[in-house]
Amino acid sequence: MNKRFVPDALAGQGLLPKTPTAAVVTASYAPDFERCRLLCETLDRHVSGAAHHYILVEHRDLELFRRLENNHRSIIDERDLLPRWLRAFDDPLSLFRRRVWLSLKTQPLRGWHVQQLRRIAIAAHAGEDVLIFCDSDVAFLKSFDCAAFWRDGKARLFRRDGVLADEGHDEHRIWSRNAGSALGIDPSRVSTHDYISTLIAWRRDTVLAMCGQIEKVHGRDWVEVIGSARQFSECMIYGRYVDDLLDGAGHFHGSEEFCRVHWTGEALSDDQFRRFVAGMAPEQVAIGMQSFIGTDIGRIRRLIGLDR
C-alpha cells in the first residue's frame, strides 16, 4: 500500500462519536507467538469495549498466527500495509538469525522499527474510530473496559509531562527530536514530554492526518520519511503531532499506565513474579514481561492461573 492522505480533510480535531468503535492492535512475530496466544486468551477473558483485534505480522509469519484468527480477530500481512519497496531479508551480519528490512529509500530497518511502521499503517486498513495498542508480551489480569480511552468526545493521549528534561533520557530525546523533524516542527520548539507506553490509544483519523502532514512537509511517502532515520518512536511522532500541531485538539491527557511492565533485568522467579503482580497500581489491569528478558511463558501461564 502506498496511499496518499489528505490532511486537511482528516484533521483529527472533531469530537468522537458518542460511543466510538475501538480495535486492539498488536504487532508481533514468530518468536513471540506463544506470548501473543496468551495475550489473546487474557484479552478475550477480561477486555470489553473493543470491536476487533488486529495482529500485524511479517508475511512469512502469517500461517503461524492464523491459528489465533477468529470472527473478532484478524491477522494482517505487512505486505498489505507497507510499500512493496520495503522488503525483509535474513541478515548475514547476524549469521542469518535476525531479519533486516531493506530499500533504496530508507535506512536498513530491524523488526522493532517495522513493527512501529505497521502500527501507523493499520489506520488506513481499519475502520474503527480508536486504535488501542497492546504489545504481544502483555497479559490481562483484571477486567478492563476500553471506554477508559475516551471521554466527552475526546481520546486519551498517554503523556508523562516534562520527564525528558531529566537526566537519563537521551534516547527518548533523540526520538522526540526526530519526530519533530518528520512532522516539520520548528527545531527550536523542544518537547520534554514522553508519550511511550504500552496499552495506549490513538484516534484513527488523527493518524491519517499525521501521515498526511509528514507527506505534505517532505513531498515523500511517510514510510520513507520516518524510515530514513533509524532512531524513531511512533508514540513520539503521534504525541508531538497532537500536542505541537493540533494543540491537543480531540484528546485529553492521562499519565497513569494501565499496564505494569518488567522492562529490564533478569527473568523473575515465582516469588518475584508474585511480588511484581502484587505491586500493580489500582488502575493497572495488565502486566508486560519483555520477551527478551526470558521469563518462561509456561511459568507465567501457571502463575496467573491459566494452566494448573
Protein backbone atom coordinates (compact mmCIF):
# COMPACT_ATOMS: atom_id res chain seq x y z
CA MET A 1 0.00 0.00 0.00
CA ASN A 2 1.25 3.43 -0.92
CA LYS A 3 -1.77 5.55 -0.15
CA ARG A 4 -1.66 9.33 -0.19
CA PHE A 5 -3.55 11.07 2.58
CA VAL A 6 -5.35 14.41 2.58
CA PRO A 7 -4.53 16.07 5.90
CA ASP A 8 -6.95 18.98 5.59
CA ALA A 9 -9.89 16.59 5.26
CA LEU A 10 -8.77 14.42 8.17
CA ALA A 11 -7.56 16.92 10.70
CA GLY A 12 -8.47 14.72 13.67
CA GLN A 13 -9.77 17.71 15.62
CA GLY A 14 -13.50 16.92 15.91
CA LEU A 15 -15.23 15.04 18.69
CA LEU A 16 -15.54 11.28 18.60
CA PRO A 17 -18.98 9.67 18.20
CA LYS A 18 -20.86 9.33 21.47
CA THR A 19 -19.89 5.66 21.55
CA PRO A 20 -16.84 5.31 19.31
CA THR A 21 -15.80 1.99 17.90
CA ALA A 22 -12.45 0.64 19.04
CA ALA A 23 -9.96 -2.02 17.97
CA VAL A 24 -6.97 -3.50 19.76
CA VAL A 25 -3.80 -3.60 17.64
CA THR A 26 -0.81 -5.88 18.27
CA ALA A 27 2.36 -6.10 16.21
CA SER A 28 4.13 -9.43 16.70
CA TYR A 29 6.47 -12.01 15.19
CA ALA A 30 7.10 -15.75 15.29
CA PRO A 31 9.36 -15.93 18.40
CA ASP A 32 6.59 -14.21 20.39
CA PHE A 33 3.79 -16.47 19.16
CA GLU A 34 3.09 -18.20 22.48
CA ARG A 35 3.15 -14.85 24.29
CA CYS A 36 0.73 -13.49 21.73
CA ARG A 37 -1.52 -16.52 22.24
CA LEU A 38 -1.54 -15.73 25.96
CA LEU A 39 -2.43 -12.11 25.22
CA CYS A 40 -5.35 -13.26 23.08
CA GLU A 41 -6.66 -15.61 25.77
CA THR A 42 -6.49 -13.00 28.51
CA LEU A 43 -7.82 -10.23 26.28
CA ASP A 44 -10.85 -12.34 25.37
CA ARG A 45 -11.41 -13.13 29.04
CA HIS A 46 -11.01 -9.67 30.56
CA VAL A 47 -11.40 -6.89 27.95
CA SER A 48 -14.68 -5.33 26.80
CA GLY A 49 -15.46 -2.41 24.51
CA ALA A 50 -13.28 -3.40 21.54
CA ALA A 51 -14.95 -4.48 18.30
CA HIS A 52 -11.90 -6.20 16.84
CA HIS A 53 -8.31 -7.28 17.42
CA TYR A 54 -5.73 -6.84 14.63
CA ILE A 55 -2.45 -8.74 14.82
CA LEU A 56 0.16 -7.35 12.42
CA VAL A 57 2.90 -9.72 11.24
CA GLU A 58 5.54 -10.25 8.59
CA HIS A 59 4.37 -12.23 5.55
CA ARG A 60 6.29 -15.37 6.45
CA ASP A 61 4.60 -15.49 9.89
CA LEU A 62 1.05 -15.39 8.50
CA GLU A 63 0.27 -19.10 8.60
CA LEU A 64 1.58 -19.48 12.15
CA PHE A 65 -0.51 -16.63 13.51
CA ARG A 66 -3.65 -17.63 11.64
CA ARG A 67 -4.15 -20.21 14.40
CA LEU A 68 -5.27 -17.25 16.51
CA GLU A 69 -7.75 -15.88 13.97
CA ASN A 70 -11.48 -15.87 14.62
CA ASN A 71 -14.53 -13.73 13.89
CA HIS A 72 -13.25 -10.86 16.04
CA ARG A 73 -9.51 -11.27 15.43
CA SER A 74 -7.69 -10.78 12.12
CA ILE A 75 -4.08 -11.47 11.16
CA ILE A 76 -2.80 -8.73 8.87
CA ASP A 77 0.09 -9.23 6.44
CA GLU A 78 2.54 -6.33 6.49
CA ARG A 79 2.55 -6.53 2.68
CA ASP A 80 -0.99 -5.17 2.81
CA LEU A 81 0.15 -2.28 5.00
CA LEU A 82 3.59 -1.15 3.85
CA PRO A 83 5.05 -0.26 0.43
CA ARG A 84 6.34 -3.20 -1.60
CA TRP A 85 9.71 -1.48 -2.00
CA LEU A 86 10.46 -2.23 1.67
CA ARG A 87 11.47 -5.90 1.77
CA ALA A 88 12.59 -8.28 4.51
CA PHE A 89 15.69 -10.48 4.28
CA ASP A 90 17.67 -12.80 6.51
CA ASP A 91 20.60 -10.73 7.76
CA PRO A 92 24.02 -12.27 7.01
CA LEU A 93 25.63 -9.96 9.59
CA SER A 94 23.73 -11.85 12.30
CA LEU A 95 24.56 -15.23 10.74
CA PHE A 96 21.01 -15.18 9.37
CA ARG A 97 19.45 -15.30 12.85
CA ARG A 98 17.79 -11.90 12.53
CA ARG A 99 15.78 -10.12 9.85
CA VAL A 100 16.55 -6.83 8.18
CA TRP A 101 14.23 -4.68 6.04
CA LEU A 102 15.98 -3.04 3.11
CA SER A 103 15.10 -0.47 0.46
CA LEU A 104 16.70 2.29 -1.54
CA LYS A 105 14.53 4.81 0.30
CA THR A 106 15.21 4.08 3.97
CA GLN A 107 17.96 3.09 6.34
CA PRO A 108 18.26 -0.67 6.99
CA LEU A 109 15.49 -1.39 9.49
CA ARG A 110 15.09 -4.06 12.16
CA GLY A 111 11.90 -5.80 13.19
CA TRP A 112 11.18 -3.37 16.01
CA HIS A 113 11.37 -0.48 13.53
CA VAL A 114 8.97 -2.16 11.10
CA GLN A 115 6.54 -3.09 13.86
CA GLN A 116 6.21 0.63 14.56
CA LEU A 117 5.53 1.35 10.90
CA ARG A 118 2.84 -1.34 10.85
CA ARG A 119 1.12 0.27 13.84
CA ILE A 120 0.91 3.56 11.98
CA ALA A 121 -0.13 1.95 8.69
CA ILE A 122 -3.05 -0.02 10.16
CA ALA A 123 -5.03 3.24 10.37
CA ALA A 124 -5.58 3.09 6.59
CA HIS A 125 -6.82 -0.51 6.87
CA ALA A 126 -9.01 -0.49 9.98
CA GLY A 127 -12.43 1.10 10.20
CA GLU A 128 -12.68 1.70 13.94
CA ASP A 129 -12.53 5.19 15.47
CA VAL A 130 -9.97 4.41 18.17
CA LEU A 131 -6.92 2.15 17.92
CA ILE A 132 -5.67 0.64 21.18
CA PHE A 133 -2.08 -0.59 21.05
CA CYS A 134 -1.07 -3.58 23.12
CA ASP A 135 2.24 -5.44 22.83
CA SER A 136 2.22 -9.21 22.34
CA ASP A 137 4.07 -9.83 25.62
CA VAL A 138 1.18 -8.38 27.65
CA ALA A 139 -1.32 -10.42 29.68
CA PHE A 140 -4.53 -9.01 31.16
CA LEU A 141 -5.19 -9.98 34.78
CA LYS A 142 -8.23 -7.79 35.54
CA SER A 143 -11.38 -6.66 33.79
CA PHE A 144 -10.86 -3.65 31.53
CA ASP A 145 -13.33 -1.57 29.55
CA CYS A 146 -11.82 0.22 26.55
CA ALA A 147 -14.17 3.13 27.29
CA ALA A 148 -11.34 4.31 29.57
CA PHE A 149 -9.73 5.68 26.41
CA TRP A 150 -12.42 8.25 25.60
CA ARG A 151 -14.18 10.98 27.50
CA ASP A 152 -16.50 13.77 26.39
CA GLY A 153 -15.85 13.00 22.73
CA LYS A 154 -12.07 13.00 23.12
CA ALA A 155 -9.45 10.23 23.06
CA ARG A 156 -6.95 9.65 25.85
CA LEU A 157 -3.37 10.54 24.93
CA PHE A 158 -0.81 9.00 27.26
CA ARG A 159 1.74 11.64 28.29
CA ARG A 160 4.27 11.92 31.08
CA ASP A 161 4.89 15.63 31.42
CA GLY A 162 8.38 17.09 31.43
CA VAL A 163 10.32 13.87 32.03
CA LEU A 164 12.70 14.39 29.10
CA ALA A 165 14.14 17.39 30.92
CA ASP A 166 15.58 14.97 33.48
CA GLU A 167 18.84 13.09 33.10
CA GLY A 168 18.92 9.59 31.66
CA HIS A 169 16.50 10.03 28.76
CA ASP A 170 18.99 10.63 25.95
CA GLU A 171 17.45 8.11 23.54
CA HIS A 172 13.94 9.43 24.13
CA ARG A 173 15.13 12.97 23.45
CA ILE A 174 16.55 11.81 20.10
CA TRP A 175 13.24 10.14 19.25
CA SER A 176 11.37 13.32 20.17
CA ARG A 177 13.71 15.45 18.08
CA ASN A 178 13.38 13.11 15.07
CA ALA A 179 9.60 13.14 15.48
CA GLY A 180 9.66 16.92 15.25
CA SER A 181 11.80 16.75 12.12
CA ALA A 182 9.44 14.26 10.43
CA LEU A 183 6.44 16.48 11.23
CA GLY A 184 8.08 19.72 10.13
CA ILE A 185 8.05 21.24 13.61
CA ASP A 186 10.50 24.12 14.14
CA PRO A 187 13.65 22.58 15.71
CA SER A 188 13.69 25.36 18.30
CA ARG A 189 10.40 24.01 19.66
CA VAL A 190 11.65 21.34 22.05
CA SER A 191 9.27 18.94 23.77
CA THR A 192 10.04 17.46 27.18
CA HIS A 193 7.04 15.11 27.25
CA ASP A 194 7.26 11.33 26.94
CA TYR A 195 4.44 9.50 25.12
CA ILE A 196 5.83 5.96 25.19
CA SER A 197 3.99 3.17 26.93
CA THR A 198 2.02 0.05 26.14
CA LEU A 199 -1.77 -0.16 26.29
CA ILE A 200 -2.33 3.31 24.84
CA ALA A 201 -4.85 4.70 22.33
CA TRP A 202 -4.76 6.79 19.16
CA ARG A 203 -7.54 8.27 17.05
CA ARG A 204 -7.55 6.69 13.60
CA ASP A 205 -8.44 9.93 11.83
CA THR A 206 -5.58 11.68 13.61
CA VAL A 207 -3.09 9.02 12.48
CA LEU A 208 -4.20 9.53 8.87
CA ALA A 209 -3.83 13.28 9.22
CA MET A 210 -0.39 12.81 10.80
CA CYS A 211 0.75 10.76 7.80
CA GLY A 212 -0.61 13.44 5.51
CA GLN A 213 1.31 16.11 7.41
CA ILE A 214 4.58 14.19 7.00
CA GLU A 215 4.00 13.75 3.27
CA LYS A 216 2.99 17.38 2.83
CA VAL A 217 6.17 18.62 4.54
CA HIS A 218 8.60 16.31 2.76
CA GLY A 219 6.88 15.50 -0.54
CA ARG A 220 7.60 11.81 0.00
CA ASP A 221 5.82 8.74 1.34
CA TRP A 222 5.57 8.87 5.12
CA VAL A 223 7.21 5.43 5.43
CA GLU A 224 10.22 6.74 3.52
CA VAL A 225 10.49 9.82 5.72
CA ILE A 226 10.25 8.00 9.04
CA GLY A 227 12.46 5.12 7.88
CA SER A 228 15.23 7.48 6.78
CA ALA A 229 16.17 7.85 10.45
CA ARG A 230 16.74 4.60 12.37
CA GLN A 231 16.08 6.27 15.73
CA PHE A 232 12.37 6.93 15.91
CA SER A 233 9.33 6.21 18.04
CA GLU A 234 5.81 6.04 16.63
CA CYS A 235 4.47 7.13 20.03
CA MET A 236 6.64 10.25 19.98
CA ILE A 237 5.55 11.10 16.44
CA TYR A 238 1.85 10.79 17.30
CA GLY A 239 2.20 12.62 20.60
CA ARG A 240 4.09 15.54 19.13
CA TYR A 241 1.66 15.76 16.22
CA VAL A 242 -1.29 16.05 18.60
CA ASP A 243 0.33 18.45 21.08
CA ASP A 244 2.60 20.56 18.87
CA LEU A 245 0.49 20.81 15.71
CA LEU A 246 -3.11 20.21 16.88
CA ASP A 247 -2.63 21.88 20.28
CA GLY A 248 -4.18 18.78 21.85
CA ALA A 249 -7.46 19.04 19.93
CA GLY A 250 -9.62 15.91 20.10
CA HIS A 251 -7.63 14.48 23.02
CA PHE A 252 -7.27 14.59 26.78
CA HIS A 253 -4.07 13.68 28.61
CA GLY A 254 -3.50 10.88 31.09
CA SER A 255 -0.26 9.80 32.75
CA GLU A 256 -1.46 6.66 34.55
CA GLU A 257 -0.15 3.48 32.95
CA PHE A 258 -2.73 0.71 32.64
CA CYS A 259 -0.05 -1.96 32.22
CA ARG A 260 2.80 -2.71 34.61
CA VAL A 261 5.87 -3.72 32.59
CA HIS A 262 9.03 -5.53 33.61
CA TRP A 263 11.28 -3.73 31.14
CA THR A 264 14.80 -4.85 32.04
CA GLY A 265 16.75 -7.21 34.26
CA GLU A 266 16.65 -10.95 34.73
CA ALA A 267 13.82 -13.45 34.42
CA LEU A 268 11.61 -13.41 37.50
CA SER A 269 11.37 -16.29 39.95
CA ASP A 270 7.92 -17.40 41.12
CA ASP A 271 8.17 -15.27 44.27
CA GLN A 272 9.47 -12.26 42.34
CA PHE A 273 6.64 -12.62 39.84
CA ARG A 274 4.03 -12.74 42.62
CA ARG A 275 5.52 -9.61 44.20
CA PHE A 276 5.54 -7.91 40.80
CA VAL A 277 1.83 -8.63 40.33
CA ALA A 278 1.06 -7.61 43.92
CA GLY A 279 2.76 -4.27 43.20
CA MET A 280 0.31 -3.34 40.42
CA ALA A 281 -1.28 0.07 40.93
CA PRO A 282 -5.08 0.18 41.30
CA GLU A 283 -5.55 1.41 37.72
CA GLN A 284 -3.26 -1.27 36.25
CA VAL A 285 -5.09 -4.18 34.65
CA ALA A 286 -2.31 -5.97 32.78
CA ILE A 287 1.32 -6.95 33.06
CA GLY A 288 4.05 -6.96 30.44
CA MET A 289 7.03 -9.31 30.59
CA GLN A 290 9.52 -8.16 27.98
CA SER A 291 10.22 -11.26 25.88
CA PHE A 292 13.97 -10.67 25.63
CA ILE A 293 14.27 -10.99 29.43
CA GLY A 294 13.35 -14.64 29.14
CA THR A 295 10.68 -15.22 31.79
CA ASP A 296 9.25 -18.62 30.84
CA ILE A 297 5.82 -18.34 29.24
CA GLY A 298 4.67 -21.60 30.85
CA ARG A 299 5.53 -20.18 34.27
CA ILE A 300 3.57 -17.01 33.52
CA ARG A 301 0.54 -19.05 32.44
CA ARG A 302 0.69 -21.13 35.61
CA LEU A 303 1.17 -18.18 37.93
CA ILE A 304 -1.77 -16.24 36.51
CA GLY A 305 -3.99 -19.32 36.79
CA LEU A 306 -4.43 -20.36 33.14
CA ASP A 307 -2.57 -23.67 33.48
CA ARG A 308 -2.85 -25.58 36.72
